[in-house]
Amino acid sequence: MIIVLKPDATEAEVAQIIRKIESFGLTAHVSKGTERTIIGAIGDERVLQERPLEAFPFVEKVLPVLKPYKLASREFKPEGSVVKVNGVLVGGRRVVVMAGPCAVEGREVLLETARSVRAAGGHILRGGAYKPRTSPYTFQGLGEEGLKFLAEARRETGLPIVTELMDTREASVVYEYADLIQIGARNMQNFKLLKEVGACRKPILLKRGMSSTVKELLLAAEYIMSEGNYDVILCERGIRTFEDATRNTLDLSVVPLIKRLSHLPVIVDPSHGTGKWDLVPPMALAAVAAGADGLMVEVHPRPEEALSDGPQALLPMTFAKLMGDLGKVAAAVGRTL
């Protein structure tokens, strides 16, 4: 259930309704908008049917949440959310670009890439220290050493870093270094991992599973939010279909769809979505036109030497040109870069 308080409700009255909700065995989640405070009562809502909360004079109305995902829904929070990543705001007027190599391969190549991302106007540096790969014989990442290289790149360039967490056993070390923690497509429904990051106080980037529906993506976000972490960014990175001309099928229709269903920011990964570097720029421009709050793009100074996903990585000069074009599309839809 959603309890909408009147505009003049005081902090004491908010605390009072929270205590009442919790006395029924429900969990209260508070969303404060510019005009009203909304409280979500999560649990067996049938207990509220015999105890009408509308009786409180400071309660404006009580509404059922029809969606299975409660906290991620627009019903719970009508205004769009903005997630802060070490000073970078995702979900506001600016389109945020996260860029860098698929995997952290070594110190020098990472620093070289980070400098080019910064020079081109990128906002966040991406790089995988732990790499989930289809084959057990391919490069699996540098682990904590890779995280240290990312931290050095952050110190030099000022770019916040996003990197993937794959296992609850690695959570503490990733928390130590990362500004934004990525949950990859393969782990979108790893519910133990989702609860783990839900209990932390770092922003989370949740990628859509390769065969997952929008409903399943939002329910995965709900797992994180139900543990108290509301700083969740969703990412469309392509889904698996019968089409084999591209690595995946980039479903850009989900951007405006999720915007209608949820208040969470949405970004797009055209690199994994297409698997082909020459398709990345046009799909990145299309994503911004569709309303994406940001992009995740792979950049590598020598893609032919990359240990992971070289065919979909942009050269620094190509990335710089893309950033210029993105600025024009962003301006055309009333946003900035």
Protein backbone atom coordinates (compact mmCIF):
# COMPACT_ATOMS: atom_id res chain seq x y z
CA MET A 1 0.00 0.00 0.00
CA ILE A 2 1.01 3.61 -0.54
CA ILE A 3 0.15 6.19 2.09
CA VAL A 4 0.16 9.74 0.73
CA LEU A 5 0.54 12.36 3.44
CA LYS A 6 -0.82 15.87 3.21
CA PRO A 7 1.64 18.60 2.14
CA ASP A 8 1.80 20.08 5.66
CA ALA A 9 2.54 16.78 7.42
CA THR A 10 5.26 17.23 10.04
CA GLU A 11 8.28 15.02 10.72
CA ALA A 12 6.62 13.90 13.95
CA GLU A 13 3.52 12.82 12.02
CA VAL A 14 5.67 10.96 9.50
CA ALA A 15 7.35 9.13 12.38
CA GLN A 16 3.96 8.37 13.91
CA ILE A 17 2.58 6.72 10.76
CA ILE A 18 5.81 4.73 10.34
CA ARG A 19 5.46 3.37 13.88
CA LYS A 20 1.86 2.42 13.19
CA ILE A 21 2.79 0.62 9.93
CA GLU A 22 5.58 -1.29 11.67
CA SER A 23 3.25 -2.27 14.52
CA PHE A 24 1.22 -4.19 11.92
CA GLY A 25 4.29 -6.21 10.97
CA LEU A 26 4.86 -4.26 7.75
CA THR A 27 8.01 -2.49 6.55
CA ALA A 28 7.80 1.25 5.91
CA HIS A 29 9.76 2.85 3.04
CA VAL A 30 9.68 6.65 2.85
CA SER A 31 9.85 8.70 -0.35
CA LYS A 32 9.99 12.48 0.08
CA GLY A 33 9.00 14.47 -2.99
CA THR A 34 9.00 18.19 -3.56
CA GLU A 35 5.39 18.54 -2.42
CA ARG A 36 4.39 15.39 -0.55
CA THR A 37 5.78 12.55 1.48
CA ILE A 38 4.78 9.06 0.36
CA ILE A 39 5.21 5.99 2.55
CA GLY A 40 5.16 2.49 1.13
CA ALA A 41 3.86 -0.24 3.45
CA ILE A 42 5.46 -3.47 2.26
CA GLY A 43 4.25 -6.88 3.42
CA ASP A 44 0.86 -8.53 3.87
CA GLU A 45 -1.30 -5.51 3.11
CA ARG A 46 -4.50 -7.27 4.18
CA VAL A 47 -3.82 -6.19 7.77
CA LEU A 48 -4.53 -2.60 6.71
CA GLN A 49 -8.02 -3.39 5.47
CA GLU A 50 -9.34 -3.57 9.01
CA ARG A 51 -7.18 -0.70 10.27
CA PRO A 52 -7.79 2.22 7.91
CA LEU A 53 -4.91 4.65 7.97
CA GLU A 54 -7.10 7.33 6.40
CA ALA A 55 -8.33 7.99 9.94
CA PHE A 56 -5.15 9.95 10.65
CA PRO A 57 -5.88 13.64 9.89
CA PHE A 58 -2.52 14.13 8.16
CA VAL A 59 -3.09 11.24 5.71
CA GLU A 60 -4.44 12.40 2.36
CA LYS A 61 -5.14 8.98 0.81
CA VAL A 62 -4.19 5.32 0.86
CA LEU A 63 -3.71 3.53 -2.46
CA PRO A 64 -2.93 -0.07 -3.39
CA VAL A 65 0.22 -0.73 -5.42
CA LEU A 66 -0.93 -2.81 -8.35
CA LYS A 67 2.55 -3.68 -9.65
CA PRO A 68 4.44 -6.64 -8.14
CA TYR A 69 7.47 -4.34 -7.85
CA LYS A 70 6.45 -1.82 -5.20
CA LEU A 71 9.43 0.40 -4.40
CA ALA A 72 10.64 0.60 -8.00
CA SER A 73 7.24 1.68 -9.32
CA ARG A 74 6.09 5.14 -10.35
CA GLU A 75 3.18 4.65 -7.97
CA PHE A 76 5.57 4.71 -5.03
CA LYS A 77 7.62 7.64 -6.37
CA PRO A 78 6.01 9.71 -9.13
CA GLU A 79 9.13 11.83 -9.62
CA GLY A 80 12.16 10.41 -11.40
CA SER A 81 15.03 9.41 -9.13
CA VAL A 82 18.52 10.85 -9.40
CA VAL A 83 21.42 8.66 -8.26
CA LYS A 84 24.66 10.31 -7.15
CA VAL A 85 27.89 8.51 -8.11
CA ASN A 86 30.72 10.28 -6.31
CA GLY A 87 29.41 13.67 -7.40
CA VAL A 88 28.08 12.62 -10.83
CA LEU A 89 24.28 12.73 -11.02
CA VAL A 90 22.57 9.99 -13.05
CA GLY A 91 18.93 10.62 -13.87
CA GLY A 92 19.01 14.40 -14.08
CA ARG A 93 19.17 16.66 -17.13
CA ARG A 94 22.70 15.57 -18.05
CA VAL A 95 23.22 12.41 -20.09
CA VAL A 96 26.01 10.56 -18.26
CA VAL A 97 28.57 8.60 -20.29
CA MET A 98 30.42 5.69 -18.66
CA ALA A 99 33.32 4.54 -20.81
CA GLY A 100 36.44 2.44 -20.69
CA PRO A 101 37.76 -1.04 -21.45
CA CYS A 102 35.67 -4.15 -21.00
CA ALA A 103 38.36 -5.56 -18.72
CA VAL A 104 41.23 -4.06 -16.77
CA GLU A 105 44.15 -5.71 -18.57
CA GLY A 106 47.05 -3.77 -17.05
CA ARG A 107 48.05 -0.48 -15.49
CA GLU A 108 49.38 1.37 -18.53
CA VAL A 109 46.60 0.50 -20.96
CA LEU A 110 43.98 1.43 -18.33
CA LEU A 111 45.59 4.80 -17.61
CA GLU A 112 45.91 5.50 -21.31
CA THR A 113 42.23 4.72 -21.82
CA ALA A 114 41.13 6.72 -18.77
CA ARG A 115 42.97 9.79 -20.01
CA SER A 116 41.30 9.55 -23.42
CA VAL A 117 37.86 9.09 -21.82
CA ARG A 118 38.42 12.16 -19.67
CA ALA A 119 39.74 14.24 -22.57
CA ALA A 120 36.68 13.40 -24.67
CA GLY A 121 34.28 14.47 -21.91
CA GLY A 122 33.32 11.11 -20.39
CA HIS A 123 31.92 11.22 -16.86
CA ILE A 124 32.61 7.79 -15.32
CA LEU A 125 35.34 5.22 -16.02
CA ARG A 126 34.23 1.63 -16.56
CA GLY A 127 36.43 -1.43 -16.29
CA GLY A 128 35.99 -5.03 -15.16
CA ALA A 129 38.43 -6.31 -12.51
CA TYR A 130 36.52 -9.58 -12.24
CA LYS A 131 35.36 -10.81 -15.63
CA PRO A 132 32.60 -13.40 -16.10
CA ARG A 133 33.39 -15.21 -19.35
CA THR A 134 31.56 -17.89 -21.30
CA SER A 135 34.72 -20.00 -21.55
CA PRO A 136 36.73 -20.90 -18.41
CA TYR A 137 39.92 -20.71 -20.49
CA THR A 138 39.66 -17.04 -21.45
CA PHE A 139 40.92 -14.01 -19.50
CA GLN A 140 39.07 -13.75 -16.18
CA GLY A 141 40.34 -10.38 -14.97
CA LEU A 142 43.04 -9.21 -12.55
CA GLY A 143 40.92 -9.19 -9.40
CA GLU A 144 42.03 -6.85 -6.62
CA GLU A 145 45.09 -5.77 -8.61
CA GLY A 146 42.70 -4.49 -11.28
CA LEU A 147 40.72 -2.61 -8.64
CA LYS A 148 43.93 -0.89 -7.51
CA PHE A 149 44.65 0.18 -11.09
CA LEU A 150 41.12 1.61 -11.34
CA ALA A 151 41.64 3.55 -8.11
CA GLU A 152 44.88 4.98 -9.51
CA ALA A 153 43.07 6.02 -12.70
CA ARG A 154 40.44 7.75 -10.57
CA ARG A 155 43.11 9.66 -8.64
CA GLU A 156 44.76 10.84 -11.84
CA THR A 157 41.67 11.73 -13.90
CA GLY A 158 39.03 12.47 -11.27
CA LEU A 159 36.64 10.04 -12.94
CA PRO A 160 34.49 7.90 -10.61
CA ILE A 161 34.76 4.18 -11.37
CA VAL A 162 32.17 1.49 -12.05
CA THR A 163 33.15 -2.16 -11.88
CA GLU A 164 31.34 -5.48 -11.63
CA LEU A 165 30.71 -7.50 -8.47
CA MET A 166 30.24 -11.20 -9.22
CA ASP A 167 30.32 -12.95 -5.87
CA THR A 168 29.28 -12.10 -2.30
CA ARG A 169 32.71 -13.31 -1.16
CA GLU A 170 34.33 -10.44 -3.10
CA ALA A 171 31.88 -7.79 -1.88
CA SER A 172 34.04 -6.16 0.78
CA VAL A 173 37.03 -5.61 -1.50
CA VAL A 174 34.87 -4.24 -4.35
CA TYR A 175 33.08 -1.91 -1.90
CA GLU A 176 36.48 -0.55 -0.87
CA TYR A 177 37.37 0.61 -4.38
CA ALA A 178 34.20 1.10 -6.47
CA ASP A 179 32.03 4.22 -6.70
CA LEU A 180 29.30 2.39 -8.62
CA ILE A 181 28.84 -1.37 -8.33
CA GLN A 182 27.69 -3.22 -11.43
CA ILE A 183 25.56 -6.35 -11.25
CA GLY A 184 26.01 -8.00 -14.64
CA ALA A 185 23.43 -9.61 -16.88
CA ARG A 186 24.38 -13.13 -15.77
CA ASN A 187 23.77 -12.19 -12.13
CA MET A 188 20.58 -10.18 -12.55
CA GLN A 189 18.62 -12.89 -10.73
CA ASN A 190 21.32 -13.91 -8.29
CA PHE A 191 19.05 -13.02 -5.39
CA LYS A 192 21.65 -13.58 -2.67
CA LEU A 193 23.97 -11.14 -4.43
CA LEU A 194 21.12 -8.64 -4.91
CA LYS A 195 20.37 -8.74 -1.19
CA GLU A 196 24.06 -8.28 -0.42
CA VAL A 197 24.31 -5.06 -2.45
CA GLY A 198 20.93 -3.97 -1.12
CA ALA A 199 22.42 -3.91 2.35
CA CYS A 200 25.38 -1.76 1.28
CA ARG A 201 25.28 1.98 0.81
CA LYS A 202 26.87 2.20 -2.62
CA PRO A 203 24.91 2.99 -5.80
CA ILE A 204 24.15 -0.07 -7.94
CA LEU A 205 24.10 -0.48 -11.73
CA LEU A 206 21.77 -3.38 -12.54
CA LYS A 207 22.04 -4.85 -16.03
CA ARG A 208 19.10 -6.57 -17.70
CA GLY A 209 19.56 -10.32 -18.09
CA MET A 210 20.04 -11.58 -21.62
CA SER A 211 16.67 -13.39 -21.59
CA SER A 212 14.85 -11.32 -18.97
CA THR A 213 11.61 -9.41 -19.24
CA VAL A 214 11.17 -5.83 -18.05
CA LYS A 215 9.07 -7.12 -15.18
CA GLU A 216 11.87 -9.45 -14.09
CA LEU A 217 14.38 -6.60 -14.29
CA LEU A 218 12.23 -4.37 -12.08
CA LEU A 219 11.66 -7.19 -9.61
CA ALA A 220 15.43 -7.70 -9.43
CA ALA A 221 15.74 -3.99 -8.60
CA GLU A 222 13.06 -4.53 -5.96
CA TYR A 223 15.27 -7.10 -4.24
CA ILE A 224 17.98 -4.44 -3.86
CA MET A 225 15.58 -1.69 -2.78
CA SER A 226 13.72 -3.88 -0.29
CA GLU A 227 16.99 -4.15 1.66
CA GLY A 228 17.13 -0.35 1.97
CA ASN A 229 19.34 0.68 -0.96
CA TYR A 230 17.30 2.93 -3.28
CA ASP A 231 20.26 4.09 -5.39
CA VAL A 232 19.69 1.77 -8.34
CA ILE A 233 20.40 2.49 -12.01
CA LEU A 234 18.95 0.14 -14.64
CA CYS A 235 20.83 -0.82 -17.80
CA GLU A 236 19.52 -2.18 -21.11
CA ARG A 237 22.36 -4.16 -22.72
CA GLY A 238 20.56 -6.20 -25.34
CA ILE A 239 18.62 -9.44 -25.13
CA ARG A 240 19.06 -12.80 -26.81
CA THR A 241 16.77 -13.41 -29.79
CA PHE A 242 16.84 -15.55 -32.94
CA GLU A 243 18.83 -12.82 -34.73
CA ASP A 244 22.52 -13.68 -35.08
CA ALA A 245 23.75 -10.74 -37.18
CA THR A 246 24.50 -8.86 -33.95
CA ARG A 247 25.73 -10.09 -30.59
CA ASN A 248 22.38 -9.27 -28.97
CA THR A 249 19.21 -7.43 -29.92
CA LEU A 250 19.33 -3.96 -28.38
CA ASP A 251 15.79 -3.28 -27.15
CA LEU A 252 15.60 0.51 -27.06
CA SER A 253 11.83 0.43 -26.61
CA VAL A 254 12.39 -0.47 -22.95
CA VAL A 255 13.84 2.98 -22.24
CA PRO A 256 10.55 4.91 -22.54
CA LEU A 257 8.67 1.87 -21.25
CA ILE A 258 10.66 1.67 -18.02
CA LYS A 259 10.41 5.44 -17.67
CA ARG A 260 6.64 5.03 -17.61
CA LEU A 261 6.68 2.11 -15.16
CA SER A 262 9.51 3.11 -12.82
CA HIS A 263 11.21 6.16 -11.34
CA LEU A 264 14.69 4.61 -11.59
CA PRO A 265 17.27 6.03 -14.03
CA VAL A 266 17.88 3.97 -17.20
CA ILE A 267 21.09 3.78 -19.20
CA VAL A 268 21.95 1.82 -22.37
CA ASP A 269 24.99 -0.30 -23.25
CA PRO A 270 25.22 -0.30 -27.07
CA SER A 271 28.57 -2.11 -26.98
CA HIS A 272 27.20 -5.37 -25.57
CA GLY A 273 23.89 -4.64 -27.26
CA THR A 274 25.40 -4.93 -30.75
CA GLY A 275 28.86 -6.48 -30.38
CA LYS A 276 30.10 -4.44 -33.35
CA TRP A 277 32.02 -1.20 -32.89
CA ASP A 278 30.57 0.46 -36.00
CA LEU A 279 27.03 -0.05 -34.70
CA VAL A 280 27.81 1.47 -31.30
CA PRO A 281 27.70 5.18 -32.30
CA PRO A 282 24.34 5.10 -34.12
CA MET A 283 22.71 3.04 -31.36
CA ALA A 284 24.18 5.34 -28.69
CA LEU A 285 22.65 8.35 -30.45
CA ALA A 286 19.33 6.52 -30.75
CA ALA A 287 19.39 5.65 -27.05
CA VAL A 288 19.75 9.31 -26.07
CA ALA A 289 16.94 10.24 -28.46
CA ALA A 290 14.77 7.55 -26.80
CA GLY A 291 15.30 9.16 -23.39
CA ALA A 292 18.20 7.23 -21.85
CA ASP A 293 19.79 8.87 -18.82
CA GLY A 294 23.21 7.62 -19.80
CA LEU A 295 25.37 5.27 -21.82
CA MET A 296 27.98 2.60 -21.12
CA VAL A 297 30.49 2.41 -23.96
CA GLU A 298 33.61 0.30 -24.36
CA VAL A 299 36.78 2.15 -25.36
CA HIS A 300 40.22 0.66 -25.95
CA PRO A 301 43.35 2.22 -27.52
CA ARG A 302 44.18 -1.02 -29.39
CA PRO A 303 41.02 -3.12 -29.75
CA GLU A 304 42.86 -5.73 -31.83
CA GLU A 305 44.96 -6.50 -28.75
CA ALA A 306 42.11 -6.44 -26.21
CA LEU A 307 41.78 -9.51 -23.99
CA SER A 308 37.99 -9.12 -23.85
CA ASP A 309 35.40 -7.91 -26.38
CA GLY A 310 37.78 -6.11 -28.73
CA PRO A 311 35.38 -6.14 -31.74
CA GLN A 312 32.89 -3.91 -29.92
CA ALA A 313 35.35 -1.38 -28.47
CA LEU A 314 35.71 2.12 -29.89
CA LEU A 315 39.06 3.72 -30.57
CA PRO A 316 39.63 6.89 -28.50
CA MET A 317 39.29 9.11 -31.59
CA THR A 318 35.98 7.41 -32.52
CA PHE A 319 34.75 7.86 -28.96
CA ALA A 320 35.69 11.55 -29.04
CA LYS A 321 33.68 12.05 -32.23
CA LEU A 322 30.73 10.19 -30.68
CA MET A 323 30.80 12.52 -27.67
CA GLY A 324 30.51 15.51 -29.98
CA ASP A 325 27.55 13.98 -31.79
CA LEU A 326 25.90 12.99 -28.51
CA GLY A 327 25.98 16.61 -27.40
CA LYS A 328 23.91 17.60 -30.43
CA VAL A 329 21.30 14.87 -29.89
CA ALA A 330 21.11 15.61 -26.18
CA ALA A 331 20.46 19.28 -26.91
CA ALA A 332 17.75 18.34 -29.42
CA VAL A 333 15.82 16.47 -26.70
CA GLY A 334 16.30 19.13 -24.03
CA ARG A 335 19.27 17.63 -22.22
CA THR A 336 22.98 18.28 -21.83
CA LEU A 337 26.10 16.14 -22.00
